[in-house]
Structures are given as structure tokens and as C-alpha cells.
Amino acid sequence: MLILKRFAVLLALLPVITFWNQVASAETLKTKNFNIKITRNCPEGYVNCNNVKYFGKNLRTGKSISLTGKTIHSTATDGVTPARFLGYDFRNNNYLYRVTADGFLLVYQGKKIILKEQGIFTY
């Protein structure tokens, strides 16, 4: 009977434990013209994350955009295993928004780069 009670308590706490393991981590990139908040919505310890949120605000116009994207990495010698963290990719139709680990905001239209700004990350 005692084992069943303990099991019931553990089941009741499962949503809380799951929430703690999936707490989002956020960082902000500030460039000359943009503030970008990036939030990883994956469990701590995951190398790859395909649920990354981008909220960017243009400081001159006040316009903003929200996108969902993923982390990007170089690959190990096997060509599959993720290695060094490179940044994040976010797609919006024919546009690719890339935020690099070294603090660059790059926006591509197709294969053509249309914006490149360096910024500073805060955590």
C-alpha cells in the first residue's frame, strides 16, 4: 500500500519534473538596428533543438517579427554527429534569418545576403 501511495505522488509530480527539464533558455542579441530575443524551448542538455523562437524588433521602425527555427552546428568527421555550435536558422518564406554564435545577424533572400549586422549577446 505504501508503494502505491509513493507511486501516486511521483505520478502527480511528473508534470512539474517535466517542466523543470524543459525550462526555456533565452538570450538577446542587440545590433545597431535590431533587438532579437532567442528562446530555446528544448530540454536542457539537448545539443540539437528544433523549437527555437526568434522575436526581432527593428529599432528604427518599431516593426517586429516572430519566427520558429532551429540550432545549427558543424558536424563531426562522421558527417552526422553535431559538433561546434554555429548559431540559429529561422525561415520566413524565401528569407533565411541566421543568428551566428559570434553575434552576427544575417538575412538572406534566397542565396543573396541582404543584411549583415554584428551585435552583442546578453543572457
C-alpha atoms as a PDB file:
ATOM      1  CA  MET A   1       0.000   0.000   0.000  1.00  0.00           C
ATOM      2  CA  LEU A   2       2.836   2.394   0.871  1.00  0.00           C
ATOM      3  CA  ILE A   3       4.442   1.711  -2.523  1.00  0.00           C
ATOM      4  CA  LEU A   4       1.189   2.622  -4.310  1.00  0.00           C
ATOM      5  CA  LYS A   5       0.957   5.919  -2.391  1.00  0.00           C
ATOM      6  CA  ARG A   6       4.558   6.812  -3.296  1.00  0.00           C
ATOM      7  CA  PHE A   7       3.902   5.898  -6.921  1.00  0.00           C
ATOM      8  CA  ALA A   8       0.803   8.135  -6.945  1.00  0.00           C
ATOM      9  CA  VAL A   9       2.859  11.037  -5.544  1.00  0.00           C
ATOM     10  CA  LEU A  10       5.512  10.529  -8.231  1.00  0.00           C
ATOM     11  CA  LEU A  11       2.857  10.485 -10.950  1.00  0.00           C
ATOM     12  CA  ALA A  12       1.394  13.709  -9.578  1.00  0.00           C
ATOM     13  CA  LEU A  13       4.837  15.365  -9.681  1.00  0.00           C
ATOM     14  CA  LEU A  14       5.670  14.184 -13.203  1.00  0.00           C
ATOM     15  CA  PRO A  15       4.335  17.325 -14.948  1.00  0.00           C
ATOM     16  CA  VAL A  16       6.413  19.509 -12.603  1.00  0.00           C
ATOM     17  CA  ILE A  17       9.553  17.445 -13.149  1.00  0.00           C
ATOM     18  CA  THR A  18       8.992  17.504 -16.931  1.00  0.00           C
ATOM     19  CA  PHE A  19       8.506  21.284 -16.823  1.00  0.00           C
ATOM     20  CA  TRP A  20      11.791  21.783 -14.958  1.00  0.00           C
ATOM     21  CA  ASN A  21      13.632  19.725 -17.551  1.00  0.00           C
ATOM     22  CA  GLN A  22      12.169  21.810 -20.382  1.00  0.00           C
ATOM     23  CA  VAL A  23      12.645  25.299 -18.986  1.00  0.00           C
ATOM     24  CA  ALA A  24      13.343  27.616 -21.878  1.00  0.00           C
ATOM     25  CA  SER A  25      16.642  29.442 -22.015  1.00  0.00           C
ATOM     26  CA  ALA A  26      16.755  32.886 -23.574  1.00  0.00           C
ATOM     27  CA  GLU A  27      19.376  35.227 -24.922  1.00  0.00           C
ATOM     28  CA  THR A  28      19.207  38.612 -26.594  1.00  0.00           C
ATOM     29  CA  LEU A  29      21.295  39.904 -29.484  1.00  0.00           C
ATOM     30  CA  LYS A  30      21.466  43.688 -29.743  1.00  0.00           C
ATOM     31  CA  THR A  31      22.746  45.154 -33.010  1.00  0.00           C
ATOM     32  CA  LYS A  32      22.748  48.747 -34.229  1.00  0.00           C
ATOM     33  CA  ASN A  33      19.243  48.436 -35.688  1.00  0.00           C
ATOM     34  CA  PHE A  34      17.691  45.334 -34.099  1.00  0.00           C
ATOM     35  CA  ASN A  35      16.904  43.674 -30.793  1.00  0.00           C
ATOM     36  CA  ILE A  36      16.497  39.926 -31.174  1.00  0.00           C
ATOM     37  CA  LYS A  37      15.319  37.648 -28.385  1.00  0.00           C
ATOM     38  CA  ILE A  38      16.062  33.970 -28.931  1.00  0.00           C
ATOM     39  CA  THR A  39      14.415  31.347 -26.761  1.00  0.00           C
ATOM     40  CA  ARG A  40      15.331  27.658 -26.871  1.00  0.00           C
ATOM     41  CA  ASN A  41      12.325  25.518 -25.993  1.00  0.00           C
ATOM     42  CA  CYS A  42      14.088  22.184 -25.615  1.00  0.00           C
ATOM     43  CA  PRO A  43      15.149  20.220 -22.542  1.00  0.00           C
ATOM     44  CA  GLU A  44      18.450  21.271 -21.013  1.00  0.00           C
ATOM     45  CA  GLY A  45      21.337  19.233 -22.330  1.00  0.00           C
ATOM     46  CA  TYR A  46      19.924  18.682 -25.819  1.00  0.00           C
ATOM     47  CA  VAL A  47      22.510  19.568 -28.457  1.00  0.00           C
ATOM     48  CA  ASN A  48      20.059  19.954 -31.345  1.00  0.00           C
ATOM     49  CA  CYS A  49      16.924  21.997 -30.799  1.00  0.00           C
ATOM     50  CA  ASN A  50      14.234  22.343 -33.473  1.00  0.00           C
ATOM     51  CA  ASN A  51      11.982  24.550 -31.355  1.00  0.00           C
ATOM     52  CA  VAL A  52      13.808  27.872 -31.111  1.00  0.00           C
ATOM     53  CA  LYS A  53      11.792  31.101 -31.094  1.00  0.00           C
ATOM     54  CA  TYR A  54      13.020  34.354 -32.640  1.00  0.00           C
ATOM     55  CA  PHE A  55      11.456  37.675 -31.760  1.00  0.00           C
ATOM     56  CA  GLY A  56      13.110  40.533 -33.609  1.00  0.00           C
ATOM     57  CA  LYS A  57      12.324  44.220 -33.335  1.00  0.00           C
ATOM     58  CA  ASN A  58      13.540  46.884 -35.744  1.00  0.00           C
ATOM     59  CA  LEU A  59      14.686  49.791 -33.558  1.00  0.00           C
ATOM     60  CA  ARG A  60      14.147  52.382 -36.307  1.00  0.00           C
ATOM     61  CA  THR A  61      10.642  51.404 -37.428  1.00  0.00           C
ATOM     62  CA  GLY A  62       9.324  49.580 -34.362  1.00  0.00           C
ATOM     63  CA  LYS A  63       8.183  46.665 -36.532  1.00  0.00           C
ATOM     64  CA  SER A  64       8.684  43.164 -35.210  1.00  0.00           C
ATOM     65  CA  ILE A  65       8.682  39.591 -36.442  1.00  0.00           C
ATOM     66  CA  SER A  66       8.300  36.227 -34.702  1.00  0.00           C
ATOM     67  CA  LEU A  67       9.747  33.065 -36.213  1.00  0.00           C
ATOM     68  CA  THR A  68      10.450  29.479 -35.221  1.00  0.00           C
ATOM     69  CA  GLY A  69      13.713  27.829 -36.138  1.00  0.00           C
ATOM     70  CA  LYS A  70      16.498  25.519 -35.055  1.00  0.00           C
ATOM     71  CA  THR A  71      20.072  25.362 -33.829  1.00  0.00           C
ATOM     72  CA  ILE A  72      22.840  24.816 -36.363  1.00  0.00           C
ATOM     73  CA  HIS A  73      26.142  23.011 -35.805  1.00  0.00           C
ATOM     74  CA  SER A  74      29.178  21.873 -37.701  1.00  0.00           C
ATOM     75  CA  THR A  75      29.386  18.096 -37.953  1.00  0.00           C
ATOM     76  CA  ALA A  76      31.984  15.684 -36.655  1.00  0.00           C
ATOM     77  CA  THR A  77      34.132  13.648 -39.024  1.00  0.00           C
ATOM     78  CA  ASP A  78      31.339  11.090 -39.411  1.00  0.00           C
ATOM     79  CA  GLY A  79      29.274  13.787 -41.148  1.00  0.00           C
ATOM     80  CA  VAL A  80      26.302  13.217 -38.850  1.00  0.00           C
ATOM     81  CA  THR A  81      27.187  13.923 -35.215  1.00  0.00           C
ATOM     82  CA  PRO A  82      26.747  17.592 -34.260  1.00  0.00           C
ATOM     83  CA  ALA A  83      29.987  19.269 -33.217  1.00  0.00           C
ATOM     84  CA  ARG A  84      30.615  23.003 -32.712  1.00  0.00           C
ATOM     85  CA  PHE A  85      27.570  25.229 -32.175  1.00  0.00           C
ATOM     86  CA  LEU A  86      27.298  27.738 -35.047  1.00  0.00           C
ATOM     87  CA  GLY A  87      24.060  29.574 -34.234  1.00  0.00           C
ATOM     88  CA  TYR A  88      20.418  29.507 -35.288  1.00  0.00           C
ATOM     89  CA  ASP A  89      18.415  29.417 -38.529  1.00  0.00           C
ATOM     90  CA  PHE A  90      14.898  30.819 -38.900  1.00  0.00           C
ATOM     91  CA  ARG A  91      12.889  30.701 -42.140  1.00  0.00           C
ATOM     92  CA  ASN A  92      10.243  33.120 -43.349  1.00  0.00           C
ATOM     93  CA  ASN A  93       9.159  32.068 -46.861  1.00  0.00           C
ATOM     94  CA  ASN A  94      12.091  32.926 -49.163  1.00  0.00           C
ATOM     95  CA  TYR A  95      14.056  34.601 -46.344  1.00  0.00           C
ATOM     96  CA  LEU A  96      16.537  32.968 -44.003  1.00  0.00           C
ATOM     97  CA  TYR A  97      17.376  34.737 -40.755  1.00  0.00           C
ATOM     98  CA  ARG A  98      20.627  33.435 -39.299  1.00  0.00           C
ATOM     99  CA  VAL A  99      21.958  34.448 -35.906  1.00  0.00           C
ATOM    100  CA  THR A 100      25.537  33.247 -35.503  1.00  0.00           C
ATOM    101  CA  ALA A 101      27.272  32.193 -32.304  1.00  0.00           C
ATOM    102  CA  ASP A 102      29.715  35.077 -32.735  1.00  0.00           C
ATOM    103  CA  GLY A 103      26.920  37.672 -32.733  1.00  0.00           C
ATOM    104  CA  PHE A 104      26.023  38.338 -36.358  1.00  0.00           C
ATOM    105  CA  LEU A 105      22.510  38.785 -37.709  1.00  0.00           C
ATOM    106  CA  LEU A 106      22.456  37.683 -41.342  1.00  0.00           C
ATOM    107  CA  VAL A 107      19.355  37.855 -43.522  1.00  0.00           C
ATOM    108  CA  TYR A 108      19.303  36.069 -46.863  1.00  0.00           C
ATOM    109  CA  GLN A 109      16.783  36.407 -49.659  1.00  0.00           C
ATOM    110  CA  GLY A 110      17.265  33.138 -51.459  1.00  0.00           C
ATOM    111  CA  LYS A 111      21.059  32.834 -51.637  1.00  0.00           C
ATOM    112  CA  LYS A 112      21.707  36.588 -51.589  1.00  0.00           C
ATOM    113  CA  ILE A 113      22.665  38.232 -48.301  1.00  0.00           C
ATOM    114  CA  ILE A 114      20.569  41.383 -47.826  1.00  0.00           C
ATOM    115  CA  LEU A 115      21.535  42.309 -44.252  1.00  0.00           C
ATOM    116  CA  LYS A 116      24.572  41.756 -42.063  1.00  0.00           C
ATOM    117  CA  GLU A 117      24.929  43.364 -38.647  1.00  0.00           C
ATOM    118  CA  GLN A 118      27.145  42.456 -35.736  1.00  0.00           C
ATOM    119  CA  GLY A 119      25.821  42.715 -32.227  1.00  0.00           C
ATOM    120  CA  ILE A 120      26.399  41.749 -28.617  1.00  0.00           C
ATOM    121  CA  PHE A 121      24.674  38.893 -26.791  1.00  0.00           C
ATOM    122  CA  THR A 122      23.226  39.257 -23.310  1.00  0.00           C
ATOM    123  CA  TYR A 123      21.987  36.301 -21.309  1.00  0.00           C
END
